[in-house]
N, C-alpha and C. Protein backbone atom coordinates (compact mmCIF):
# COMPACT_ATOMS: atom_id res chain seq x y z
N UNK A 1 0.48 -1.20 0.05
CA UNK A 1 -0.05 0.13 -0.05
C UNK A 1 0.82 1.21 -0.04
N UNK A 2 0.55 2.07 -1.04
CA UNK A 2 1.34 3.50 -1.03
C UNK A 2 0.82 4.43 -0.05
N UNK A 3 1.88 5.06 0.39
CA UNK A 3 1.08 6.50 1.11
C UNK A 3 0.13 7.42 0.78
N UNK A 4 -0.38 7.11 -0.71
CA UNK A 4 -1.31 7.83 -1.27
C UNK A 4 -2.37 7.53 -1.05
N UNK A 5 -2.66 5.82 -0.80
CA UNK A 5 -4.07 5.46 -0.82
C UNK A 5 -4.21 5.14 1.07
N UNK A 6 -3.70 5.39 1.87
CA UNK A 6 -3.78 5.06 3.04
C UNK A 6 -4.91 5.99 3.52
N UNK A 7 -5.51 6.97 2.88
CA UNK A 7 -6.88 7.82 3.40
C UNK A 7 -8.03 6.87 3.10
N UNK A 8 -7.53 5.88 2.05
CA UNK A 8 -8.84 5.37 1.64
C UNK A 8 -9.42 4.11 2.66
N UNK A 9 -8.26 3.85 3.43
CA UNK A 9 -8.43 2.83 4.50
C UNK A 9 -9.57 3.22 5.41
N UNK A 10 -10.38 2.38 5.96
CA UNK A 10 -11.31 2.85 7.06
C UNK A 10 -10.10 2.82 8.38
N UNK A 11 -10.65 3.80 9.30
CA UNK A 11 -10.00 4.20 10.27
C UNK A 11 -10.04 2.98 11.20
N UNK A 12 -11.01 1.89 11.31
CA UNK A 12 -11.29 0.54 12.05
C UNK A 12 -10.03 -0.21 11.61
N UNK A 13 -10.02 -0.13 10.03
CA UNK A 13 -8.98 -1.02 9.82
C UNK A 13 -7.62 -0.82 10.20
N UNK A 14 -7.06 0.28 10.15
CA UNK A 14 -5.69 0.80 10.49
C UNK A 14 -5.96 0.59 12.12
N UNK A 15 -6.58 0.82 12.84
CA UNK A 15 -6.66 0.66 14.26
C UNK A 15 -6.58 -1.03 14.55
N UNK A 16 -7.47 -1.76 13.96
CA UNK A 16 -7.43 -3.04 13.95
C UNK A 16 -5.69 -3.57 13.94
N UNK A 17 -5.40 -3.04 12.74
CA UNK A 17 -3.81 -3.58 12.06
C UNK A 17 -2.95 -3.32 13.67
N UNK A 18 -3.13 -2.25 13.95
CA UNK A 18 -2.01 -1.85 15.02
C UNK A 18 -2.43 -2.69 16.48
N UNK A 19 -3.84 -3.20 16.75
CA UNK A 19 -4.09 -3.73 17.82
C UNK A 19 -3.53 -5.28 17.68
N UNK A 20 -3.68 -5.67 16.32
CA UNK A 20 -3.14 -7.31 15.78
C UNK A 20 -1.63 -7.24 16.03
N UNK A 21 -1.09 -6.24 15.63
CA UNK A 21 0.56 -6.13 15.59
C UNK A 21 0.62 -6.03 17.13
N UNK A 22 0.58 -5.58 17.70
CA UNK A 22 0.57 -5.52 19.28
C UNK A 22 0.61 -6.76 19.98
N UNK A 23 -0.43 -7.31 19.47
CA UNK A 23 -0.56 -8.70 20.18
C UNK A 23 0.17 -9.94 19.37
N UNK A 24 0.64 -9.57 18.23
CA UNK A 24 1.47 -10.66 17.35
C UNK A 24 2.78 -10.32 18.16
N UNK A 25 3.38 -9.29 18.57
CA UNK A 25 4.51 -8.88 19.14
C UNK A 25 4.82 -9.72 20.48
N UNK A 26 3.44 -9.61 21.00
CA UNK A 26 3.75 -10.09 22.52
C UNK A 26 3.71 -11.62 22.38
N UNK A 27 3.09 -12.16 21.31
CA UNK A 27 3.16 -13.49 21.26
C UNK A 27 4.29 -13.93 20.85
N UNK A 28 5.12 -13.31 19.83
CA UNK A 28 6.46 -13.84 18.94
C UNK A 28 7.46 -13.59 20.40
N UNK A 29 7.43 -12.41 21.19
CA UNK A 29 8.40 -12.25 22.38
C UNK A 29 7.97 -13.35 23.26
N UNK A 30 6.93 -13.58 23.76
CA UNK A 30 6.34 -14.65 25.02
C UNK A 30 7.07 -16.06 24.33
N UNK A 31 6.79 -16.61 23.19
CA UNK A 31 7.44 -17.85 22.86
C UNK A 31 9.06 -17.73 22.70
N UNK A 32 9.60 -16.47 22.10
CA UNK A 32 10.92 -16.62 21.77
C UNK A 32 11.57 -16.40 23.38
N UNK A 33 11.15 -15.96 24.31
CA UNK A 33 11.61 -15.83 25.61
C UNK A 33 11.37 -17.14 26.12
N UNK A 34 10.61 -17.97 26.41
CA UNK A 34 10.26 -19.37 26.62
C UNK A 34 11.75 -20.18 26.26
N UNK A 35 11.50 -20.10 24.77
CA UNK A 35 12.55 -21.05 24.19
C UNK A 35 13.72 -20.77 24.36
N UNK A 36 14.32 -19.37 24.41
CA UNK A 36 15.87 -19.33 24.41
C UNK A 36 16.06 -19.39 25.98
N UNK A 37 14.99 -18.94 26.77
CA UNK A 37 15.54 -19.10 28.47
C UNK A 37 15.45 -20.58 28.48
N UNK A 38 14.88 -21.51 27.96
CA UNK A 38 15.07 -22.90 28.26
C UNK A 38 16.51 -23.49 27.82
N UNK A 39 16.68 -22.96 26.60
CA UNK A 39 17.55 -23.64 25.42
C UNK A 39 19.27 -22.74 26.06
N UNK A 40 19.15 -21.53 26.33
CA UNK A 40 20.22 -20.58 26.36
C UNK A 40 20.36 -19.80 27.71
N UNK A 41 19.29 -19.94 28.52
CA UNK A 41 19.25 -18.85 29.41
C UNK A 41 19.45 -17.45 29.79
N UNK A 42 18.88 -17.04 28.11
CA UNK A 42 18.78 -15.53 27.71
C UNK A 42 17.44 -15.23 27.67
N UNK A 43 17.01 -14.03 27.56
CA UNK A 43 15.77 -13.42 26.88
C UNK A 43 15.81 -13.08 25.59
N UNK A 44 14.69 -12.88 24.71
CA UNK A 44 14.82 -12.33 23.44
C UNK A 44 15.52 -11.22 23.21
N UNK A 45 15.18 -10.28 24.41
CA UNK A 45 15.63 -8.90 24.38
C UNK A 45 17.12 -9.22 24.55
N UNK A 46 17.71 -9.93 25.28
CA UNK A 46 19.22 -10.19 25.02
C UNK A 46 19.69 -10.80 23.99
N UNK A 47 18.92 -11.73 23.07
CA UNK A 47 19.24 -12.27 21.90
C UNK A 47 19.68 -10.95 21.04
N UNK A 48 18.64 -10.13 20.99
CA UNK A 48 18.75 -9.23 19.99
C UNK A 48 20.01 -8.03 20.50
N UNK A 49 20.14 -7.61 21.50
CA UNK A 49 21.31 -6.92 21.97
C UNK A 49 22.42 -7.82 21.32
N UNK A 50 22.56 -8.96 21.77
CA UNK A 50 23.93 -9.86 21.75
C UNK A 50 23.88 -10.11 19.76
N UNK A 51 22.90 -10.07 18.95
CA UNK A 51 22.84 -10.43 17.60
C UNK A 51 23.50 -8.85 16.99
N UNK A 52 22.71 -8.00 17.57
CA UNK A 52 23.25 -6.38 16.93
C UNK A 52 24.66 -6.23 17.08
N UNK A 53 25.17 -6.64 18.29
CA UNK A 53 26.94 -6.53 18.74
C UNK A 53 27.54 -7.67 17.52
N UNK A 54 27.14 -8.73 17.61
CA UNK A 54 27.52 -9.64 16.58
C UNK A 54 27.91 -9.55 15.12
N UNK A 55 26.77 -8.74 14.70
CA UNK A 55 26.87 -8.03 13.48
C UNK A 55 27.63 -6.91 13.10
N UNK A 56 27.93 -6.08 14.29
CA UNK A 56 28.69 -4.72 14.22
C UNK A 56 30.06 -4.92 13.68
N UNK A 57 30.76 -4.04 13.02
CA UNK A 57 32.10 -4.30 12.65
C UNK A 57 32.87 -4.59 13.87
N UNK A 58 33.57 -5.25 13.86
CA UNK A 58 34.50 -5.46 15.34
C UNK A 58 33.73 -6.15 16.32
N UNK A 59 32.47 -6.33 16.26
CA UNK A 59 31.77 -6.84 17.44
C UNK A 59 31.23 -6.06 18.64
N UNK A 60 31.35 -4.40 18.06
CA UNK A 60 31.48 -3.56 18.84
C UNK A 60 30.28 -2.51 18.20
N UNK A 61 29.39 -1.97 19.38
CA UNK A 61 28.94 -0.59 18.95
C UNK A 61 28.90 0.39 19.97
N UNK A 62 28.68 1.85 19.73
CA UNK A 62 28.55 2.45 20.54
C UNK A 62 27.29 2.18 21.29
N UNK A 63 27.24 2.42 22.67
CA UNK A 63 26.00 2.42 23.53
C UNK A 63 24.69 2.96 22.74
N UNK A 64 25.09 4.60 22.47
CA UNK A 64 23.98 5.24 22.14
C UNK A 64 23.60 4.91 20.54
N UNK A 65 24.16 3.80 19.80
CA UNK A 65 24.01 3.24 18.59
C UNK A 65 22.95 2.10 18.90
N UNK A 66 23.59 1.38 20.04
CA UNK A 66 22.94 -0.11 19.89
C UNK A 66 21.70 0.73 20.45
N UNK A 67 21.16 1.42 21.63
CA UNK A 67 20.19 2.06 21.90
C UNK A 67 19.20 2.16 20.78
N UNK A 68 19.62 2.93 19.95
CA UNK A 68 18.94 3.11 18.46
C UNK A 68 18.22 2.05 17.55
N UNK A 69 19.14 1.02 17.89
CA UNK A 69 18.77 -0.39 17.01
C UNK A 69 17.73 -1.00 18.04
N UNK A 70 17.85 -1.01 18.95
CA UNK A 70 17.13 -1.71 20.06
C UNK A 70 15.80 -0.82 20.41
N UNK A 71 15.81 0.47 20.08
CA UNK A 71 14.37 1.21 20.35
C UNK A 71 14.31 1.20 21.71
N UNK A 72 15.94 1.58 22.59
CA UNK A 72 15.82 1.98 23.92
C UNK A 72 16.33 2.89 24.18
N UNK A 73 16.44 3.68 25.44
CA UNK A 73 17.15 4.81 25.76
C UNK A 73 18.70 4.68 26.20
N UNK A 74 19.59 5.00 26.49
CA UNK A 74 20.79 4.99 26.69
C UNK A 74 20.94 4.42 27.98
N UNK A 75 20.13 4.66 28.99
CA UNK A 75 20.07 4.23 30.32
C UNK A 75 19.35 2.90 30.06
N UNK A 76 18.63 2.42 29.37
CA UNK A 76 18.01 1.26 28.99
C UNK A 76 18.87 0.31 28.86
N UNK A 77 19.85 0.79 27.90
CA UNK A 77 20.57 -0.41 27.37
C UNK A 77 21.84 -0.24 28.74
N UNK A 78 22.26 0.54 29.01
CA UNK A 78 23.20 0.44 30.10
C UNK A 78 22.71 -0.91 31.10
N UNK A 79 21.14 -0.58 31.54
CA UNK A 79 20.35 -1.80 32.37
C UNK A 79 20.69 -2.90 31.55
N UNK A 80 20.38 -3.07 30.58
CA UNK A 80 20.21 -4.61 29.84
C UNK A 80 21.51 -5.06 29.70
N UNK A 81 22.67 -4.60 29.47
CA UNK A 81 24.03 -4.82 29.22
C UNK A 81 24.68 -4.87 30.69
N UNK A 82 24.56 -4.73 31.78
CA UNK A 82 24.80 -5.18 33.05
C UNK A 82 24.70 -6.51 33.31
N UNK A 83 23.61 -7.43 33.30
CA UNK A 83 23.62 -8.66 33.80
C UNK A 83 24.44 -9.45 32.29
N UNK A 84 24.56 -8.81 31.39
CA UNK A 84 25.22 -9.78 30.03
C UNK A 84 26.60 -9.67 30.40
N UNK A 85 27.00 -8.56 31.03
CA UNK A 85 28.43 -8.47 31.38
C UNK A 85 28.80 -9.28 32.67
N UNK A 86 27.97 -8.96 33.68
CA UNK A 86 28.15 -10.29 34.63
C UNK A 86 28.77 -11.69 34.36
N UNK A 87 27.66 -12.00 33.01
CA UNK A 87 28.04 -13.60 32.87
C UNK A 87 28.96 -13.94 31.59
N UNK A 88 29.44 -12.47 31.52
CA UNK A 88 30.96 -12.52 30.46
C UNK A 88 30.26 -12.91 28.91
N UNK A 89 29.17 -12.43 28.39
CA UNK A 89 28.76 -12.30 27.26
C UNK A 89 29.03 -10.76 26.36
N UNK A 90 29.08 -9.74 27.16
CA UNK A 90 29.48 -8.38 26.76
C UNK A 90 30.53 -7.64 27.56
N UNK A 91 31.28 -6.80 27.24
CA UNK A 91 32.24 -6.04 28.09
C UNK A 91 31.96 -4.82 27.58
N UNK A 92 32.50 -3.99 28.27
CA UNK A 92 32.58 -2.51 27.88
C UNK A 92 33.94 -1.87 27.34
N UNK A 93 34.03 -1.20 26.81
CA UNK A 93 35.23 -0.40 26.11
C UNK A 93 35.15 1.08 26.28
N UNK A 94 35.99 1.94 26.60
CA UNK A 94 36.08 3.10 26.56
C UNK A 94 36.93 3.61 25.28
N UNK A 95 36.32 4.80 24.73
CA UNK A 95 37.01 5.50 23.91
C UNK A 95 38.24 6.05 24.40
N UNK A 96 39.22 5.89 24.15
CA UNK A 96 40.37 6.54 24.66
C UNK A 96 41.02 8.18 24.23
N UNK A 97 40.00 8.51 23.04
CA UNK A 97 40.31 10.08 22.63
C UNK A 97 38.79 10.81 23.13
N UNK A 98 37.81 9.78 23.90
CA UNK A 98 36.76 10.62 24.30
C UNK A 98 36.23 9.62 25.45
N UNK A 99 36.23 10.04 26.46
CA UNK A 99 35.98 9.67 27.84
C UNK A 99 34.27 9.53 28.04
N UNK A 100 33.40 10.25 27.21
CA UNK A 100 32.22 10.54 26.81
C UNK A 100 31.48 9.20 26.16
N UNK A 101 32.13 8.96 25.40
CA UNK A 101 31.89 7.69 24.64
C UNK A 101 32.09 6.34 24.73
N UNK A 102 31.10 5.61 25.22
CA UNK A 102 31.26 4.06 25.45
C UNK A 102 30.72 3.21 24.55
N UNK A 103 31.52 2.09 24.38
CA UNK A 103 31.11 0.85 23.46
C UNK A 103 30.55 -0.70 24.17
N UNK A 104 29.64 -1.07 23.87
CA UNK A 104 29.91 -2.02 24.34
C UNK A 104 30.05 -3.53 23.14
N UNK A 105 30.90 -4.21 23.43
CA UNK A 105 31.47 -5.34 22.87
C UNK A 105 31.26 -6.59 23.28
N UNK A 106 30.82 -7.57 22.23
CA UNK A 106 30.30 -8.97 22.25
C UNK A 106 31.88 -9.64 22.75
N UNK A 107 31.99 -10.47 23.51
CA UNK A 107 32.74 -11.58 24.01
C UNK A 107 33.02 -12.71 22.93
N UNK A 108 33.93 -13.43 22.78
CA UNK A 108 33.77 -14.59 21.89
C UNK A 108 32.70 -15.55 22.43
N UNK A 109 32.60 -15.65 23.73
CA UNK A 109 31.68 -16.41 24.66
C UNK A 109 30.02 -16.14 23.94
N UNK A 110 29.84 -14.60 24.15
CA UNK A 110 28.50 -13.81 23.70
C UNK A 110 28.32 -14.23 22.18
N UNK A 111 29.35 -14.16 21.31
CA UNK A 111 29.19 -14.47 19.98
C UNK A 111 28.78 -15.97 19.77
N UNK A 112 29.41 -16.83 20.35
CA UNK A 112 28.96 -18.25 20.42
C UNK A 112 27.81 -18.57 20.71
N UNK A 113 26.92 -17.97 21.65
CA UNK A 113 25.90 -17.97 22.02
C UNK A 113 24.86 -17.32 21.27
N UNK A 114 25.09 -15.98 20.73
CA UNK A 114 24.44 -15.31 19.63
C UNK A 114 24.32 -16.59 18.41
N UNK A 115 25.18 -17.18 18.09
CA UNK A 115 25.10 -18.13 16.68
C UNK A 115 24.16 -19.15 17.33
N UNK A 116 24.14 -19.93 18.35
CA UNK A 116 23.73 -20.91 18.69
C UNK A 116 22.25 -20.53 19.01
N UNK A 117 21.89 -19.60 19.46
CA UNK A 117 20.62 -19.04 19.91
C UNK A 117 19.59 -18.70 18.46
N UNK A 118 20.51 -18.10 17.63
CA UNK A 118 20.04 -18.11 15.96
C UNK A 118 19.10 -19.25 15.64
N UNK A 119 19.91 -20.29 15.84
CA UNK A 119 19.32 -21.45 15.32
C UNK A 119 17.77 -21.87 16.30
N UNK A 120 17.47 -21.48 17.32
CA UNK A 120 16.18 -21.81 17.94
C UNK A 120 15.48 -20.61 17.95
N UNK A 121 16.06 -19.16 17.31
CA UNK A 121 15.04 -18.08 16.90
C UNK A 121 14.51 -18.61 15.39
N UNK A 122 15.33 -19.13 14.64
CA UNK A 122 14.85 -19.36 13.33
C UNK A 122 14.10 -20.34 13.38
N UNK A 123 14.17 -21.52 14.13
CA UNK A 123 13.08 -22.66 14.41
C UNK A 123 12.00 -22.36 14.55
N UNK A 124 11.79 -21.45 15.90
CA UNK A 124 10.62 -20.70 16.50
C UNK A 124 9.81 -20.33 15.29
N UNK A 125 10.63 -18.82 14.71
CA UNK A 125 10.05 -18.16 13.69
C UNK A 125 9.47 -18.95 12.74
N UNK A 126 9.95 -20.10 12.06
CA UNK A 126 9.66 -20.75 10.90
C UNK A 126 7.97 -21.14 11.64
N UNK A 127 8.32 -21.73 12.67
CA UNK A 127 6.94 -22.67 13.24
C UNK A 127 6.03 -21.39 13.22
N UNK A 128 6.05 -20.27 13.84
CA UNK A 128 5.30 -19.55 14.16
C UNK A 128 4.41 -18.91 13.02
N UNK A 129 5.21 -18.41 11.78
CA UNK A 129 4.60 -18.04 10.73
C UNK A 129 4.03 -19.15 9.69
N UNK A 130 4.38 -20.30 9.95
CA UNK A 130 3.57 -21.21 8.99
C UNK A 130 4.11 -21.37 7.47
N UNK A 131 4.93 -20.84 7.24
CA UNK A 131 5.08 -20.76 5.85
C UNK A 131 4.04 -19.79 4.89
N UNK A 132 4.12 -18.21 5.08
CA UNK A 132 3.82 -17.70 4.12
C UNK A 132 4.77 -17.58 2.85
N UNK A 133 4.13 -17.14 1.62
CA UNK A 133 4.62 -16.90 0.43
C UNK A 133 5.58 -15.54 0.72
N UNK A 134 6.88 -16.12 0.10
CA UNK A 134 8.00 -14.79 0.16
C UNK A 134 7.68 -13.65 -0.32
N UNK A 135 6.81 -13.32 -1.13
CA UNK A 135 6.26 -12.18 -1.61
C UNK A 135 5.52 -11.32 -0.48
N UNK A 136 4.44 -12.23 0.27
CA UNK A 136 3.92 -11.75 1.35
C UNK A 136 4.79 -11.65 2.59
N UNK A 137 5.83 -12.26 2.96
CA UNK A 137 6.61 -12.06 4.08
C UNK A 137 7.47 -10.74 3.89
N UNK A 138 7.83 -10.43 2.35
CA UNK A 138 8.82 -9.37 2.14
C UNK A 138 7.92 -8.12 2.24
N UNK A 139 6.68 -7.90 1.60
CA UNK A 139 5.75 -6.77 2.00
C UNK A 139 5.76 -6.52 3.34
N UNK A 140 5.33 -7.81 3.98
CA UNK A 140 5.00 -7.77 5.63
C UNK A 140 6.19 -6.95 6.28
N UNK A 141 7.18 -7.44 5.98
CA UNK A 141 8.78 -7.26 6.55
C UNK A 141 8.88 -5.21 6.27
N UNK A 142 8.49 -5.31 4.99
CA UNK A 142 8.99 -3.77 4.40
C UNK A 142 8.08 -2.83 5.48
N UNK A 143 6.85 -3.26 5.51
CA UNK A 143 5.75 -2.54 6.34
C UNK A 143 6.14 -2.56 7.79
N UNK A 144 6.51 -3.35 8.26
CA UNK A 144 7.11 -3.36 9.66
C UNK A 144 8.32 -2.65 9.79
N UNK A 145 9.40 -2.48 8.85
CA UNK A 145 10.51 -1.53 8.89
C UNK A 145 10.11 -0.22 8.41
N UNK A 146 8.93 -0.05 8.14
CA UNK A 146 8.34 1.55 7.67
C UNK A 146 7.86 2.05 8.93
N UNK A 147 7.15 1.09 9.58
CA UNK A 147 6.78 1.68 10.91
C UNK A 147 7.76 2.00 11.95
N UNK A 148 8.80 1.09 11.91
CA UNK A 148 9.59 1.37 12.86
C UNK A 148 10.78 2.33 12.37
N UNK A 149 10.87 2.70 11.40
CA UNK A 149 11.60 3.95 10.85
C UNK A 149 12.89 3.19 10.38
N UNK A 150 13.21 2.30 10.11
CA UNK A 150 14.20 1.85 9.60
C UNK A 150 14.46 1.77 8.05
N UNK A 151 15.55 2.38 7.46
CA UNK A 151 16.38 2.79 6.46
C UNK A 151 15.58 4.17 6.33
N UNK A 152 15.41 4.90 7.21
CA UNK A 152 15.21 6.48 6.97
C UNK A 152 16.33 7.46 7.00
């Protein structure tokens, strides 16, 4: 759907879409939290944080950039990092040129855990989606990226 024809959609349909989106997110998060907790002892939020770090160049991101990717505040990222630091999955790194800048760095153990947890996430994701057509999945993914402001 293009931005020009959104006005042709009844308000109840857009509201219903947002309600269903929220309910779907809750179901996905609950199911992945349970599976990841049972297999790897981490939450889905922990997994997302580790995955962003693992995918980042050098396995590190500025904490403010990590906050942006996760949709959290800087203090929310700090709170999320603390337990992962305590169990050796991430570490902090300061910038020698600017003391105000702090980095989160994934450890080898954290990277291995993220890789192993990705198998669980992939399996649960496939089971939950039930095999939609590739075009449908891509269109929905594009819409979700638009809603999240990804790629702007």
